[in-house]
Amino acid sequence: MRGILSLAGYIPTHRLDRKDVAAVFGNGGGKGTRAVAGHDEDTTTMGVEAARLAMRGRSIEHLALLFSTASPAYADKTNATAIHAALGRPSNEPAWDFGGGARSAIGAFGFALSSMPPTLLVTADRRDGLATSADEVGGGDGAAAILVGEGSDDLPAICVQRGGAAATDEFIDRWRVPGATRSKQWEEKFGEQRYSALARDAYGRALAAAGWNADSVDKVIVTGMHARAAKAVGAKVSGGRDVLVDDLAATVGQTGGTHGLLLLVATLESLVGTAGGTKIMLVNLADGADVVALETTDAIATYRPARPISEQVAMTRQLPYGKFLAWRQMVTLEPPRRPEPGRVSATAAWRSEDWKFGFVGSRDRSSGAMHLPPARVSRIGGAVDDMEKVSMADAKGTIVTFTIDRMAYSPSPPIAFAIVDFDGGGRFPVELTDCGPEQVAIGGRVEMTFRRLFTQDDIHDYFWKARLLPAGA
């Protein structure tokens, strides 16, 4: 039975309190918070985090990787290849970018559900807008990853598609030309009218394709970057029943084309431990309407998500509005009084791909000595070229000493550097992220996270940093 085998979302740690916007400018803002990607995060790194969680503990011999985003880190260059490398996938597997519009993610999901090989769909978006705008305060950053394929005894499908429908129309609602940092939007009433008509049509046909009636649906997800239209469509298709899922607007914000699949992840995670048979309708509004009818299987009862959305929503670090504007390059701060780093060497990066993207070290077969970065000559016994590769991306470690560097170059100083001893062997000096200097302590526990060190000559230098784990982890 082909269906969803595993899935996960990723929500950045930083949160912008919307009321801080009005405190600075005197207008805008609102209630709640929005998720903000760190200064060292982009859609590729967020996609890696979601994909790692979705694949944790799941073994798939061969798959196709699709990456969908409306805010790619690169144009021309394929972004999916960095995710493929960070996951340590073999070179005989394809990795493709899948469009750049707000409708691309839901289209890629439909493709994954119908394609033959196992498919890992990764989607991520970073929402920007002018200061005080609805896009800035109502948007959010995040990622989702969904593994689709034929279920097995070891990896059963937890949710399957029962039907679906799409309605397409060419009309101007939201647009952004290449290179622009903000979207523009037409008058809201017009968009609401078009989306409402298209959604009603697609929803009715999706119900018919699934063989369901409206009253049999248990959960309804409605999302789109046109907030007014999404609210109107939600009220219409729910028929006044309490079936609409939380859209995470108050805590995360609307994450663009990613949001529908992020809400699907949160919905299925909320059903873990229940019997199968929950009927879900996913409605996505973007240049038309796409509706997917899904039903959980009995395997949802024993499914265990790696890190549920609900936990990530609760793990927050408040971000001052001024720093948010600086990270988004909407204000220019005085740069560090240090030379900027040089451009990454393409040949050197390729030669060390396993280490740089996969965080793969080497272990001496005779002595068991762990080497980070990988080495040809063992530090114990001196064995030469007798090493096995060891992936350390999911390893946890302990801080044995650290320093707070206020002099080194960083787009968001100061930098916290730590010497980390990894569980099972290996020691490595690593930069910490998503924390303040006051949070770092000897004995602190960390995990690894894929980040962007810097960008020079428009080349992103991706590598791994360490992130503090909650106490007791």
Protein backbone atom coordinates (compact mmCIF):
# COMPACT_ATOMS: atom_id res chain seq x y z
CA MET A 1 0.00 0.00 0.00
CA ARG A 2 1.61 3.25 -1.15
CA GLY A 3 1.34 6.16 1.22
CA ILE A 4 3.14 8.31 3.75
CA LEU A 5 5.82 6.26 5.50
CA SER A 6 7.33 8.98 7.64
CA LEU A 7 7.18 12.74 8.00
CA ALA A 8 8.57 15.60 10.04
CA GLY A 9 8.57 19.36 10.31
CA TYR A 10 11.20 21.86 11.33
CA ILE A 11 10.50 25.16 13.06
CA PRO A 12 13.43 27.45 13.87
CA THR A 13 14.07 28.25 17.52
CA HIS A 14 13.92 32.03 17.26
CA ARG A 15 10.60 33.87 17.68
CA LEU A 16 9.68 37.47 16.96
CA ASP A 17 7.03 38.86 19.29
CA ARG A 18 4.65 40.75 16.99
CA LYS A 19 3.98 43.49 19.52
CA ASP A 20 7.66 44.54 19.23
CA VAL A 21 6.96 45.73 15.68
CA ALA A 22 4.39 48.29 16.84
CA ALA A 23 6.68 49.30 19.71
CA VAL A 24 9.32 50.36 17.17
CA PHE A 25 7.21 51.84 14.37
CA GLY A 26 3.97 52.74 16.13
CA ASN A 27 1.86 50.52 13.89
CA GLY A 28 1.73 46.99 12.53
CA GLY A 29 2.44 44.08 14.82
CA GLY A 30 -0.35 42.14 16.48
CA LYS A 31 -0.65 39.26 18.90
CA GLY A 32 1.46 36.14 19.17
CA THR A 33 4.83 35.28 17.65
CA ARG A 34 6.32 34.24 14.33
CA ALA A 35 9.13 31.74 13.71
CA VAL A 36 12.35 33.26 12.39
CA ALA A 37 15.19 31.45 10.66
CA GLY A 38 18.54 32.15 12.27
CA HIS A 39 21.22 34.27 10.63
CA ASP A 40 22.92 31.00 9.66
CA GLU A 41 19.77 29.36 8.26
CA ASP A 42 18.19 29.39 4.82
CA THR A 43 15.65 27.19 3.08
CA THR A 44 18.29 24.57 2.29
CA THR A 45 19.46 24.19 5.91
CA MET A 46 15.86 24.12 7.18
CA GLY A 47 15.04 21.49 4.58
CA VAL A 48 17.99 19.39 5.78
CA GLU A 49 16.71 19.54 9.37
CA ALA A 50 13.20 18.41 8.40
CA ALA A 51 14.58 15.66 6.15
CA ARG A 52 16.92 14.35 8.85
CA LEU A 53 14.02 14.04 11.28
CA ALA A 54 11.80 12.34 8.71
CA MET A 55 14.52 9.82 7.83
CA ARG A 56 15.76 9.16 11.37
CA GLY A 57 15.54 5.43 12.07
CA ARG A 58 14.15 4.76 8.59
CA SER A 59 16.20 2.81 6.08
CA ILE A 60 15.39 3.24 2.38
CA GLU A 61 17.79 1.70 -0.10
CA HIS A 62 16.94 3.91 -3.06
CA LEU A 63 14.79 7.03 -3.29
CA ALA A 64 14.23 10.21 -5.28
CA LEU A 65 14.58 13.54 -3.48
CA LEU A 66 12.43 16.53 -4.40
CA PHE A 67 12.96 19.98 -2.91
CA SER A 68 10.38 22.73 -3.22
CA THR A 69 10.84 26.32 -2.09
CA ALA A 70 9.77 29.79 -3.20
CA SER A 71 12.89 31.32 -1.61
CA PRO A 72 15.85 29.24 -2.82
CA ALA A 73 19.38 29.83 -1.61
CA TYR A 74 20.60 29.45 -5.19
CA ALA A 75 19.22 30.12 -8.64
CA ASP A 76 20.65 28.06 -11.54
CA LYS A 77 22.43 25.73 -9.09
CA THR A 78 20.26 22.89 -7.78
CA ASN A 79 19.55 23.28 -4.06
CA ALA A 80 18.35 19.70 -3.57
CA THR A 81 21.88 18.36 -4.04
CA ALA A 82 23.05 19.93 -0.75
CA ILE A 83 20.19 18.21 1.08
CA HIS A 84 21.06 14.96 -0.68
CA ALA A 85 24.70 15.29 0.46
CA ALA A 86 23.78 16.24 4.04
CA LEU A 87 21.64 13.10 4.29
CA GLY A 88 24.55 10.99 3.04
CA ARG A 89 22.52 9.55 0.18
CA PRO A 90 24.36 7.62 -2.58
CA SER A 91 25.26 9.28 -5.87
CA ASN A 92 23.05 6.95 -7.94
CA GLU A 93 19.90 8.66 -6.58
CA PRO A 94 18.30 11.72 -8.21
CA ALA A 95 17.78 15.02 -6.40
CA TRP A 96 15.73 17.75 -8.07
CA ASP A 97 14.40 21.18 -7.28
CA PHE A 98 10.66 21.34 -7.88
CA GLY A 99 9.54 24.78 -9.02
CA GLY A 100 9.54 28.04 -7.11
CA GLY A 101 5.92 29.13 -6.77
CA ALA A 102 3.68 28.94 -3.72
CA ARG A 103 1.82 26.06 -5.41
CA SER A 104 4.94 23.96 -6.08
CA ALA A 105 5.04 22.10 -2.74
CA ILE A 106 1.49 20.75 -2.96
CA GLY A 107 2.16 19.80 -6.59
CA ALA A 108 5.31 17.94 -5.58
CA PHE A 109 3.29 16.15 -2.89
CA GLY A 110 0.82 14.94 -5.51
CA PHE A 111 3.69 13.80 -7.72
CA ALA A 112 5.28 11.90 -4.81
CA LEU A 113 2.00 10.14 -3.99
CA SER A 114 1.66 8.91 -7.56
CA SER A 115 5.28 8.16 -8.52
CA MET A 116 6.75 4.68 -8.45
CA PRO A 117 10.06 4.89 -6.50
CA PRO A 118 10.11 5.92 -2.83
CA THR A 119 10.20 9.71 -2.78
CA LEU A 120 11.40 12.10 -0.10
CA LEU A 121 9.65 15.42 -0.57
CA VAL A 122 11.33 18.31 1.24
CA THR A 123 9.85 21.79 1.30
CA ALA A 124 10.98 24.95 3.09
CA ASP A 125 10.15 28.64 2.92
CA ARG A 126 11.32 31.88 4.49
CA ARG A 127 8.72 34.65 4.52
CA ASP A 128 9.82 38.25 4.13
CA GLY A 129 8.02 41.56 3.71
CA LEU A 130 8.38 45.27 4.28
CA ALA A 131 8.61 46.39 7.91
CA THR A 132 5.15 46.43 9.60
CA SER A 133 3.58 44.61 6.62
CA ALA A 134 1.16 41.70 6.97
CA ASP A 135 3.74 39.46 5.28
CA GLU A 136 6.39 40.35 7.85
CA VAL A 137 4.29 39.90 10.97
CA GLY A 138 2.00 37.14 9.68
CA GLY A 139 4.62 35.15 7.84
CA GLY A 140 6.85 32.48 9.33
CA ASP A 141 9.83 30.31 8.48
CA GLY A 142 9.82 26.53 8.48
CA ALA A 143 10.23 23.27 6.62
CA ALA A 144 8.55 19.91 6.19
CA ALA A 145 9.65 16.54 4.83
CA ILE A 146 7.43 13.63 3.80
CA LEU A 147 8.64 10.17 2.80
CA VAL A 148 6.23 8.46 0.41
CA GLY A 149 6.46 4.90 -0.88
CA GLU A 150 5.14 1.37 -0.69
CA GLY A 151 4.61 0.27 2.88
CA SER A 152 6.21 -2.82 4.38
CA ASP A 153 6.13 -4.70 7.65
CA ASP A 154 9.18 -2.76 8.84
CA LEU A 155 8.01 0.60 7.51
CA PRO A 156 4.22 0.66 7.03
CA ALA A 157 2.24 3.51 5.52
CA ILE A 158 0.62 5.61 8.24
CA CYS A 159 -1.60 7.56 5.86
CA VAL A 160 -2.84 6.97 2.32
CA GLN A 161 -4.48 9.09 -0.34
CA ARG A 162 -8.14 8.39 -1.07
CA GLY A 163 -8.76 11.04 -3.68
CA GLY A 164 -8.02 14.57 -4.74
CA ALA A 165 -8.82 17.35 -7.15
CA ALA A 166 -7.38 20.60 -8.44
CA ALA A 167 -8.89 23.78 -9.84
CA THR A 168 -6.69 26.19 -11.78
CA ASP A 169 -7.28 29.73 -12.97
CA GLU A 170 -4.98 32.49 -14.21
CA PHE A 171 -5.56 35.61 -12.14
CA ILE A 172 -3.33 38.09 -10.37
CA ASP A 173 -3.37 37.63 -6.60
CA ARG A 174 0.25 37.67 -5.37
CA TRP A 175 3.40 38.18 -7.38
CA ARG A 176 7.13 38.79 -7.03
CA VAL A 177 9.63 39.23 -9.83
CA PRO A 178 12.99 37.39 -9.64
CA GLY A 179 15.41 39.20 -7.35
CA ALA A 180 12.71 41.07 -5.43
CA THR A 181 12.65 40.63 -1.65
CA ARG A 182 8.95 41.28 -1.12
CA SER A 183 5.69 40.07 -2.62
CA LYS A 184 2.95 42.36 -3.85
CA GLN A 185 -0.74 41.55 -3.57
CA TRP A 186 -3.88 42.61 -5.42
CA GLU A 187 -6.99 43.87 -3.66
CA GLU A 188 -8.08 41.19 -1.18
CA LYS A 189 -11.77 40.93 -2.05
CA PHE A 190 -11.03 39.88 -5.61
CA GLY A 191 -8.68 37.10 -4.46
CA GLU A 192 -11.18 35.92 -1.86
CA GLN A 193 -13.90 35.58 -4.50
CA ARG A 194 -11.72 33.63 -6.92
CA TYR A 195 -10.28 31.28 -4.29
CA SER A 196 -13.65 30.60 -2.72
CA ALA A 197 -15.17 29.52 -6.02
CA LEU A 198 -12.16 27.39 -6.99
CA ALA A 199 -11.94 25.74 -3.58
CA ARG A 200 -15.63 24.82 -3.49
CA ASP A 201 -15.31 23.20 -6.90
CA ALA A 202 -12.15 21.23 -6.06
CA TYR A 203 -13.41 20.23 -2.60
CA GLY A 204 -16.62 18.77 -4.02
CA ARG A 205 -14.77 16.78 -6.66
CA ALA A 206 -12.21 15.52 -4.12
CA LEU A 207 -15.01 14.28 -1.85
CA ALA A 208 -16.58 12.46 -4.79
CA ALA A 209 -13.25 10.91 -5.79
CA ALA A 210 -12.77 9.63 -2.22
CA GLY A 211 -16.37 8.39 -1.97
CA TRP A 212 -16.93 10.54 1.12
CA ASN A 213 -19.60 13.01 2.11
CA ALA A 214 -18.80 16.31 3.80
CA ASP A 215 -20.01 15.17 7.23
CA SER A 216 -17.67 12.14 7.27
CA VAL A 217 -14.51 14.26 7.22
CA ASP A 218 -12.75 14.37 10.60
CA LYS A 219 -10.00 16.94 10.02
CA VAL A 220 -9.80 19.83 7.56
CA ILE A 221 -6.61 21.74 6.81
CA VAL A 222 -7.05 24.99 4.90
CA THR A 223 -4.08 27.18 4.13
CA GLY A 224 -2.88 29.81 1.70
CA MET A 225 -0.96 33.07 1.68
CA HIS A 226 -4.26 34.91 1.14
CA ALA A 227 -5.37 34.87 4.80
CA ARG A 228 -8.83 36.28 4.13
CA ALA A 229 -9.57 33.67 1.48
CA ALA A 230 -8.28 30.82 3.66
CA LYS A 231 -10.54 31.90 6.50
CA ALA A 232 -13.58 32.15 4.22
CA VAL A 233 -12.91 28.77 2.58
CA GLY A 234 -12.35 27.15 5.97
CA ALA A 235 -15.69 28.38 7.24
CA LYS A 236 -17.42 27.13 4.10
CA VAL A 237 -15.97 23.61 3.81
CA SER A 238 -16.14 22.88 7.54
CA GLY A 239 -19.89 23.53 7.49
CA GLY A 240 -19.78 24.90 11.03
CA ARG A 241 -18.36 21.65 12.43
CA ASP A 242 -15.32 21.70 14.74
CA VAL A 243 -12.97 20.02 12.26
CA LEU A 244 -10.56 22.81 11.29
CA VAL A 245 -7.03 22.19 12.57
CA ASP A 246 -4.92 24.84 14.29
CA ASP A 247 -3.14 26.80 11.55
CA LEU A 248 -0.22 27.72 13.88
CA ALA A 249 -0.73 31.40 13.02
CA ALA A 250 -0.38 32.51 16.65
CA THR A 251 2.92 30.74 17.30
CA VAL A 252 4.72 30.08 13.98
CA GLY A 253 3.08 32.18 11.28
CA GLN A 254 2.17 31.24 7.72
CA THR A 255 5.17 29.58 6.05
CA GLY A 256 4.15 30.07 2.41
CA GLY A 257 3.96 27.08 0.11
CA THR A 258 5.40 24.89 2.87
CA HIS A 259 2.54 25.56 5.27
CA GLY A 260 0.02 23.00 4.02
CA LEU A 261 2.46 20.13 4.44
CA LEU A 262 3.72 21.50 7.77
CA LEU A 263 0.13 21.46 9.04
CA LEU A 264 -0.32 17.94 7.68
CA VAL A 265 2.75 16.86 9.68
CA ALA A 266 1.33 18.47 12.84
CA THR A 267 -2.09 16.90 12.24
CA LEU A 268 -0.77 13.36 11.74
CA GLU A 269 1.51 13.72 14.77
CA SER A 270 -1.53 14.68 16.85
CA LEU A 271 -3.20 11.42 15.79
CA VAL A 272 -0.33 9.15 16.91
CA GLY A 273 -1.69 6.45 19.21
CA THR A 274 -5.18 6.51 17.70
CA ALA A 275 -6.89 3.87 15.61
CA GLY A 276 -6.73 4.30 11.85
CA GLY A 277 -9.56 5.62 9.73
CA THR A 278 -9.31 9.37 10.42
CA LYS A 279 -10.37 11.20 7.26
CA ILE A 280 -8.38 14.35 6.44
CA MET A 281 -8.94 16.96 3.74
CA LEU A 282 -5.95 19.16 2.89
CA VAL A 283 -6.91 22.35 1.02
CA ASN A 284 -4.13 24.55 -0.39
CA LEU A 285 -4.91 27.92 -2.01
CA ALA A 286 -2.27 29.20 -4.43
CA ASP A 287 -3.06 30.26 -8.02
CA GLY A 288 -5.99 27.89 -7.78
CA ALA A 289 -7.02 25.28 -5.27
CA ASP A 290 -5.59 21.82 -4.59
CA VAL A 291 -7.43 19.37 -2.38
CA VAL A 292 -6.02 16.03 -1.18
CA ALA A 293 -8.20 13.46 0.60
CA LEU A 294 -6.16 11.35 3.04
CA GLU A 295 -6.97 8.63 5.56
CA THR A 296 -4.83 7.29 8.39
CA THR A 297 -4.09 3.58 8.67
CA ASP A 298 -3.79 1.39 11.76
CA ALA A 299 -0.01 1.99 11.65
CA ILE A 300 -0.55 5.50 13.02
CA ALA A 301 -1.14 3.90 16.44
CA THR A 302 2.51 2.86 16.78
CA TYR A 303 4.21 5.61 14.75
CA ARG A 304 6.84 7.59 16.67
CA PRO A 305 7.83 11.01 15.31
CA ALA A 306 11.46 11.98 15.84
CA ARG A 307 10.65 15.48 17.14
CA PRO A 308 6.98 16.52 17.04
CA ILE A 309 5.94 19.98 15.89
CA SER A 310 4.32 20.57 19.28
CA GLU A 311 7.72 20.21 20.99
CA GLN A 312 9.38 22.56 18.54
CA VAL A 313 6.67 25.18 19.02
CA ALA A 314 7.42 25.12 22.75
CA MET A 315 11.22 25.42 22.31
CA THR A 316 11.73 29.13 21.66
CA ARG A 317 14.28 31.89 21.97
CA GLN A 318 12.98 35.46 21.76
CA LEU A 319 14.57 37.60 19.05
CA PRO A 320 14.74 41.41 19.32
CA TYR A 321 13.08 43.17 16.40
CA GLY A 322 16.24 45.11 15.57
CA LYS A 323 18.22 41.88 15.19
CA PHE A 324 15.43 40.43 13.04
CA LEU A 325 15.71 43.43 10.69
CA ALA A 326 19.50 43.03 10.58
CA TRP A 327 19.30 39.32 9.81
CA ARG A 328 16.87 40.09 7.01
CA GLN A 329 19.27 42.78 5.72
CA MET A 330 16.62 45.48 6.07
CA VAL A 331 18.98 47.56 8.20
CA THR A 332 22.77 47.68 7.95
CA LEU A 333 24.75 47.39 11.16
CA GLU A 334 28.39 48.30 11.70
CA PRO A 335 30.35 45.25 10.46
CA PRO A 336 32.93 43.42 12.59
CA ARG A 337 36.42 44.94 12.57
CA ARG A 338 37.87 41.81 11.08
CA PRO A 339 38.55 40.69 7.50
CA GLU A 340 35.71 38.78 5.92
CA PRO A 341 36.37 35.09 5.13
CA GLY A 342 37.53 34.10 1.70
CA ARG A 343 35.48 32.38 -0.98
CA VAL A 344 34.93 28.64 -0.63
CA SER A 345 37.02 26.49 -2.95
CA ALA A 346 34.77 24.35 -5.15
CA THR A 347 37.41 21.66 -5.60
CA ALA A 348 38.27 21.46 -1.90
CA ALA A 349 34.58 21.29 -0.98
CA TRP A 350 34.03 18.46 -3.47
CA ARG A 351 37.01 16.46 -2.19
CA SER A 352 35.68 16.63 1.37
CA GLU A 353 31.97 16.24 0.58
CA ASP A 354 31.36 13.43 3.08
CA TRP A 355 32.87 15.51 5.88
CA LYS A 356 31.61 18.94 4.90
CA PHE A 357 28.02 18.00 4.09
CA GLY A 358 27.53 14.66 5.85
CA PHE A 359 29.71 15.20 8.94
CA VAL A 360 31.29 11.80 8.35
CA GLY A 361 34.40 10.98 10.38
CA SER A 362 36.67 7.96 10.35
CA ARG A 363 37.34 5.23 12.91
CA ASP A 364 40.52 3.18 13.05
CA ARG A 365 39.51 -0.46 12.56
CA SER A 366 42.29 -1.79 14.82
CA SER A 367 42.31 0.66 17.76
CA GLY A 368 38.80 2.11 17.46
CA ALA A 369 40.17 5.67 17.57
CA MET A 370 37.71 8.22 16.19
CA HIS A 371 38.93 11.04 13.94
CA LEU A 372 37.11 14.33 13.32
CA PRO A 373 37.78 15.40 10.61
CA PRO A 374 38.51 12.02 8.97
CA ALA A 375 42.16 11.03 8.73
CA ARG A 376 44.25 8.53 6.80
CA VAL A 377 46.72 7.95 9.67
CA SER A 378 45.39 6.88 13.06
CA ARG A 379 46.29 9.00 16.07
CA ILE A 380 46.62 5.74 18.07
CA GLY A 381 48.93 3.06 16.73
CA GLY A 382 49.67 4.88 13.48
CA ALA A 383 47.67 2.58 11.19
CA VAL A 384 47.50 3.95 7.63
CA ASP A 385 44.43 3.80 5.39
CA ASP A 386 42.68 1.31 7.64
CA MET A 387 39.63 3.39 8.50
CA GLU A 388 35.87 2.97 8.31
CA LYS A 389 33.50 5.85 7.69
CA VAL A 390 31.27 6.87 10.61
CA SER A 391 28.40 9.33 10.25
CA MET A 392 28.32 11.70 13.22
CA ALA A 393 25.42 13.90 12.11
CA ASP A 394 23.05 12.33 14.65
CA ALA A 395 25.64 11.96 17.41
CA LYS A 396 25.22 13.84 20.68
CA GLY A 397 28.08 15.20 22.74
CA THR A 398 29.18 17.06 25.85
CA ILE A 399 30.92 20.43 26.09
CA VAL A 400 34.30 20.02 27.82
CA THR A 401 35.40 23.66 27.46
CA PHE A 402 34.27 26.76 25.56
CA THR A 403 35.07 30.36 24.76
CA ILE A 404 32.98 33.39 23.79
CA ASP A 405 34.75 35.16 20.92
CA ARG A 406 33.77 38.81 20.41
CA MET A 407 36.53 39.50 17.88
CA ALA A 408 36.10 36.89 15.14
CA TYR A 409 34.05 37.73 12.07
CA SER A 410 30.35 36.91 12.36
CA PRO A 411 27.14 38.40 10.97
CA SER A 412 25.69 38.04 14.49
CA PRO A 413 28.47 38.34 17.11
CA PRO A 414 29.60 37.12 19.57
CA ILE A 415 30.49 33.56 18.57
CA ALA A 416 30.40 30.71 21.08
CA PHE A 417 33.01 28.04 20.33
CA ALA A 418 33.14 24.76 22.25
CA ILE A 419 35.26 21.63 22.41
CA VAL A 420 32.81 18.74 22.26
CA ASP A 421 33.38 15.11 23.24
CA PHE A 422 30.94 12.94 21.31
CA ASP A 423 29.18 9.91 22.72
CA GLY A 424 30.98 6.84 21.43
CA GLY A 425 34.24 8.69 20.76
CA GLY A 426 35.55 11.69 18.91
CA ARG A 427 36.42 15.26 19.93
CA PHE A 428 35.86 18.35 17.78
CA PRO A 429 35.94 22.15 18.16
CA VAL A 430 32.62 23.49 16.90
CA GLU A 431 30.62 26.70 16.77
CA LEU A 432 27.40 26.79 18.80
CA THR A 433 24.18 28.23 17.42
CA ASP A 434 20.68 29.19 18.60
CA CYS A 435 21.95 30.23 22.02
CA GLY A 436 23.30 33.19 23.95
CA PRO A 437 26.64 33.28 25.78
CA GLU A 438 24.84 33.04 29.10
CA GLN A 439 23.43 29.62 28.16
CA VAL A 440 26.76 27.90 27.44
CA ALA A 441 28.31 25.84 30.23
CA ILE A 442 30.82 23.03 30.65
CA GLY A 443 28.90 19.77 30.75
CA GLY A 444 26.18 21.07 28.46
CA ARG A 445 24.79 18.55 26.02
CA VAL A 446 24.66 19.29 22.28
CA GLU A 447 23.48 17.84 18.99
CA MET A 448 24.60 18.70 15.48
CA THR A 449 22.69 20.89 13.04
CA PHE A 450 23.38 21.78 9.39
CA ARG A 451 23.95 25.51 8.93
CA ARG A 452 25.45 28.18 6.68
CA LEU A 453 28.74 29.56 8.00
CA PHE A 454 28.92 32.57 5.66
CA THR A 455 28.40 33.63 2.06
CA GLN A 456 31.20 35.06 -0.09
CA ASP A 457 31.08 35.77 -3.82
CA ASP A 458 27.49 34.45 -3.62
CA ILE A 459 28.78 30.99 -2.63
CA HIS A 460 27.25 29.62 0.57
CA ASP A 461 29.65 27.84 2.88
CA TYR A 462 27.57 25.07 4.47
CA PHE A 463 28.84 23.05 7.42
CA TRP A 464 27.73 21.75 10.81
CA LYS A 465 27.29 23.58 14.09
CA ALA A 466 26.23 22.36 17.53
CA ARG A 467 22.93 23.18 19.20
CA LEU A 468 22.28 22.95 22.93
CA LEU A 469 19.95 20.19 24.07
CA PRO A 470 17.40 20.71 26.84
CA ALA A 471 18.54 19.80 30.35
CA GLY A 472 18.45 16.04 30.92
CA ALA A 473 18.73 15.14 27.23
